[in-house]
Protein backbone atom coordinates (compact mmCIF):
# COMPACT_ATOMS: atom_id res chain seq x y z
CA UNK A 1 90.31 55.39 42.44
CA UNK A 2 88.84 56.28 45.81
CA UNK A 3 91.95 54.93 47.55
CA UNK A 4 94.24 57.06 45.39
CA UNK A 5 92.12 60.16 46.08
CA UNK A 6 92.17 59.47 49.82
CA UNK A 7 95.96 59.01 49.81
CA UNK A 8 96.38 62.23 47.86
CA UNK A 9 94.35 64.22 50.38
CA UNK A 10 96.44 62.87 53.28
CA UNK A 11 99.65 63.70 51.42
CA UNK A 12 98.51 67.29 50.86
CA UNK A 13 97.65 67.62 54.54
CA UNK A 14 101.02 66.34 55.70
CA UNK A 15 103.09 68.25 53.19
CA UNK A 16 103.34 71.53 55.20
CA UNK A 17 104.53 69.57 58.25
CA UNK A 18 107.09 67.70 56.22
CA UNK A 19 108.53 70.87 54.69
CA UNK A 20 108.48 72.67 58.06
CA UNK A 21 110.24 69.81 59.83
CA UNK A 22 113.08 70.19 57.41
CA UNK A 23 113.58 73.72 58.70
CA UNK A 24 113.65 72.65 62.40
CA UNK A 25 110.05 73.71 62.78
CA UNK A 26 108.62 73.80 66.29
CA UNK A 27 105.04 74.37 67.37
CA UNK A 28 104.56 77.87 68.81
CA UNK A 29 103.92 78.16 72.55
CA UNK A 30 100.45 79.37 73.55
CA UNK A 31 100.42 83.14 73.77
CA UNK A 32 99.50 84.97 76.97
CA UNK A 33 96.13 86.71 76.82
CA UNK A 34 96.36 90.25 75.50
CA UNK A 35 95.97 92.93 78.18
CA UNK A 36 92.58 94.61 78.40
CA UNK A 37 91.99 97.43 80.93
CA UNK A 38 88.84 97.19 82.99
CA UNK A 39 86.97 96.62 86.23
CA UNK A 40 87.38 93.29 88.02
CA UNK A 41 85.83 91.63 91.08
CA UNK A 42 87.11 88.71 93.09
CA UNK A 43 87.12 86.50 96.15
CA UNK A 44 89.99 85.17 98.26
CA UNK A 45 89.77 82.55 101.02
CA UNK A 46 92.33 80.85 103.21
CA UNK A 47 94.02 80.93 106.61
CA UNK A 48 93.84 84.05 108.78
CA UNK A 49 95.97 84.92 111.81
CA UNK A 50 94.91 87.60 114.30
CA UNK A 51 98.21 87.13 116.22
CA UNK A 52 96.73 87.79 119.66
CA UNK A 53 99.01 85.02 120.95
CA UNK A 54 102.03 87.23 120.17
CA UNK A 55 100.31 90.23 121.74
CA UNK A 56 99.94 88.54 125.16
CA UNK A 57 103.33 86.81 125.11
CA UNK A 58 105.16 87.23 128.42
CA UNK A 59 102.01 88.15 130.36
CA UNK A 60 101.10 84.66 131.59
CA UNK A 61 97.84 84.79 129.62
CA UNK A 62 96.85 82.45 126.80
CA UNK A 63 94.68 82.83 123.72
CA UNK A 64 92.21 80.63 121.89
CA UNK A 65 90.16 80.83 118.71
CA UNK A 66 92.52 83.46 117.34
CA UNK A 67 93.50 81.81 114.01
CA UNK A 68 91.48 80.04 111.33
CA UNK A 69 89.35 80.59 108.27
CA UNK A 70 89.40 84.08 106.74
CA UNK A 71 88.20 85.61 103.50
CA UNK A 72 88.35 88.76 101.39
CA UNK A 73 86.13 90.19 98.66
CA UNK A 74 87.52 92.90 96.41
CA UNK A 75 86.95 95.14 93.41
CA UNK A 76 89.62 96.82 91.33
CA UNK A 77 90.58 98.42 88.06
CA UNK A 78 93.42 97.35 85.78
CA UNK A 79 94.90 100.56 84.36
CA UNK A 80 97.99 98.96 82.82
CA UNK A 81 99.55 95.48 82.47
CA UNK A 82 101.76 96.40 85.43
CA UNK A 83 99.44 98.48 87.64
CA UNK A 84 96.01 98.26 89.25
CA UNK A 85 94.10 99.86 92.12
CA UNK A 86 92.05 97.61 94.39
CA UNK A 87 89.70 97.92 97.38
CA UNK A 88 88.76 95.00 99.61
CA UNK A 89 86.88 93.85 102.68
CA UNK A 90 88.43 91.09 104.84
CA UNK A 91 87.03 89.22 107.81
CA UNK A 92 88.57 86.60 110.10
CA UNK A 93 85.89 84.02 110.95
CA UNK A 94 86.86 83.58 114.58
CA UNK A 95 86.34 85.46 117.83
CA UNK A 96 89.64 85.58 119.76
CA UNK A 97 89.62 84.99 123.51
CA UNK A 98 92.28 85.79 126.13
CA UNK A 99 92.39 83.63 129.28
CA UNK A 100 94.47 83.69 132.43
CA UNK A 101 96.62 80.79 133.59
CA UNK A 102 93.60 79.14 135.26
CA UNK A 103 91.50 79.26 132.10
CA UNK A 104 89.28 82.16 133.18
CA UNK A 105 88.26 84.53 130.40
CA UNK A 106 89.84 87.96 130.60
CA UNK A 107 88.84 89.29 127.19
CA UNK A 108 86.68 88.01 124.39
CA UNK A 109 85.69 89.38 120.97
CA UNK A 110 82.00 90.04 120.49
CA UNK A 111 82.31 90.08 116.70
CA UNK A 112 84.71 88.89 114.03
CA UNK A 113 87.75 91.12 113.38
CA UNK A 114 87.44 92.85 110.01
CA UNK A 115 89.30 95.29 107.78
CA UNK A 116 88.74 97.52 104.76
CA UNK A 117 91.70 98.24 102.52
CA UNK A 118 92.65 100.31 99.47
CA UNK A 119 95.88 99.32 97.72
CA UNK A 120 97.95 99.89 94.62
CA UNK A 121 99.22 96.71 92.91
CA UNK A 122 102.46 96.51 90.95
CA UNK A 123 102.45 93.47 88.66
CA UNK A 124 105.34 91.83 86.82
CA UNK A 125 104.85 89.33 84.01
CA UNK A 126 107.23 86.39 84.48
CA UNK A 127 106.45 83.68 81.91
CA UNK A 128 103.56 83.20 79.50
CA UNK A 129 100.42 83.62 81.64
CA UNK A 130 102.21 83.64 85.00
CA UNK A 131 103.26 86.70 87.02
CA UNK A 132 104.04 88.15 90.44
CA UNK A 133 102.67 91.18 92.25
CA UNK A 134 103.20 93.34 95.31
CA UNK A 135 100.67 95.67 96.91
CA UNK A 136 100.75 98.57 99.34
CA UNK A 137 98.06 100.85 100.73
CA UNK A 138 96.01 101.83 103.76
CA UNK A 139 93.55 99.86 105.89
CA UNK A 140 90.90 100.45 108.50
CA UNK A 141 90.75 97.62 111.06
CA UNK A 142 88.24 96.79 113.76
CA UNK A 143 89.63 94.25 116.23
CA UNK A 144 88.31 94.60 119.78
CA UNK A 145 88.14 92.21 122.74
CA UNK A 146 85.81 93.13 125.60
CA UNK A 147 86.68 92.65 129.27
CA UNK A 148 85.01 89.53 130.71
CA UNK A 149 86.30 89.64 134.31
CA UNK A 150 85.45 91.84 137.24
CA UNK A 151 89.13 92.49 137.67
CA UNK A 152 92.12 92.03 135.41
CA UNK A 153 92.64 93.52 132.00
CA UNK A 154 90.51 96.26 130.54
CA UNK A 155 89.06 96.08 127.04
CA UNK A 156 91.74 95.28 124.49
CA UNK A 157 91.88 96.33 120.87
CA UNK A 158 90.01 99.03 119.05
CA UNK A 159 89.92 100.39 115.51
CA UNK A 160 92.74 102.02 113.60
CA UNK A 161 93.95 103.25 110.21
CA UNK A 162 97.34 101.87 109.24
CA UNK A 163 99.38 100.29 106.44
CA UNK A 164 98.44 97.16 104.52
CA UNK A 165 100.89 95.37 102.24
CA UNK A 166 101.49 91.99 100.69
CA UNK A 167 102.71 89.91 97.78
CA UNK A 168 101.41 87.16 95.56
CA UNK A 169 101.51 85.22 92.31
CA UNK A 170 98.84 85.11 89.61
CA UNK A 171 97.89 83.11 86.53
CA UNK A 172 95.71 84.47 83.70
CA UNK A 173 93.51 81.68 82.36
CA UNK A 174 91.83 84.07 79.93
CA UNK A 175 91.49 87.83 79.42
CA UNK A 176 88.68 87.69 82.01
CA UNK A 177 89.60 85.02 84.57
CA UNK A 178 92.65 85.15 86.86
CA UNK A 179 93.65 82.96 89.82
CA UNK A 180 96.11 83.97 92.52
CA UNK A 181 97.78 83.00 95.80
CA UNK A 182 98.89 85.69 98.23
CA UNK A 183 99.94 86.87 101.67
CA UNK A 184 98.58 90.14 103.09
CA UNK A 185 99.60 91.90 106.31
CA UNK A 186 97.22 94.37 107.98
CA UNK A 187 99.21 96.50 110.44
CA UNK A 188 97.60 96.99 113.84
CA UNK A 189 98.57 99.01 116.91
CA UNK A 190 101.43 96.88 118.16
CA UNK A 191 101.56 97.98 121.79
CA UNK A 192 101.36 94.68 123.72
CA UNK A 193 98.98 94.61 126.70
CA UNK A 194 98.11 98.30 126.33
CA UNK A 195 94.54 99.58 126.13
CA UNK A 196 93.37 99.96 122.52
CA UNK A 197 96.46 98.12 121.26
CA UNK A 198 96.05 95.13 118.99
CA UNK A 199 98.37 93.02 116.85
CA UNK A 200 98.81 92.99 113.09
CA UNK A 201 96.63 90.52 111.20
CA UNK A 202 97.68 88.16 108.38
CA UNK A 203 95.82 86.52 105.52
CA UNK A 204 97.23 83.61 103.46
CA UNK A 205 94.78 82.97 100.65
CA UNK A 206 93.98 81.59 97.22
CA UNK A 207 91.53 83.47 95.05
CA UNK A 208 89.91 84.03 91.70
CA UNK A 209 88.80 87.20 89.94
CA UNK A 210 86.73 88.11 86.90
CA UNK A 211 87.38 91.13 84.70
CA UNK A 212 84.40 92.66 82.92
CA UNK A 213 84.64 93.39 79.21
CA UNK A 214 83.37 96.97 79.02
CA UNK A 215 84.30 97.51 75.36
């Protein structure tokens, strides 16, 4: 009796699958998380380029310690599935140095280059939880190298307000957690070997953000 009851329960459980399979039934794909507007915070880390090597090209000088680890922290607000506003702080964890052909220091940074940015992000959903985005806004950069020789070049670099822009891809794990990879360009004052001029800076990074549920 128990065996018959057990078999009957299994048959009832499999019946919906059997009927559905006759109608070419397929399991539904997992749905993308529903959009929820709100405040988010995040962190990006990766490879940063200060591009001082391009700035001194053709002068006979060389650079060192100008590329390496960089990171960005940011806060934003998702207004719409396709639009957000974001503000961030980026620093390049290296102090670029310019040397002459004999290896003597001409200029050297006394602090890490850094930038503050405010951007608008246009996002496009591509497939399920995956999408692409582009961003454009303004930045404030500090990137200065002080003169280290009694003669030679004067101080290089300064601070400046200019454009920032970039592109990336994102994946929504949940309504609250998103991962992304991106490239960001911070425009400098591209006047090679001129006082107060400095090159554009780049950030190639992977990141994660968390959106707060304010409902």
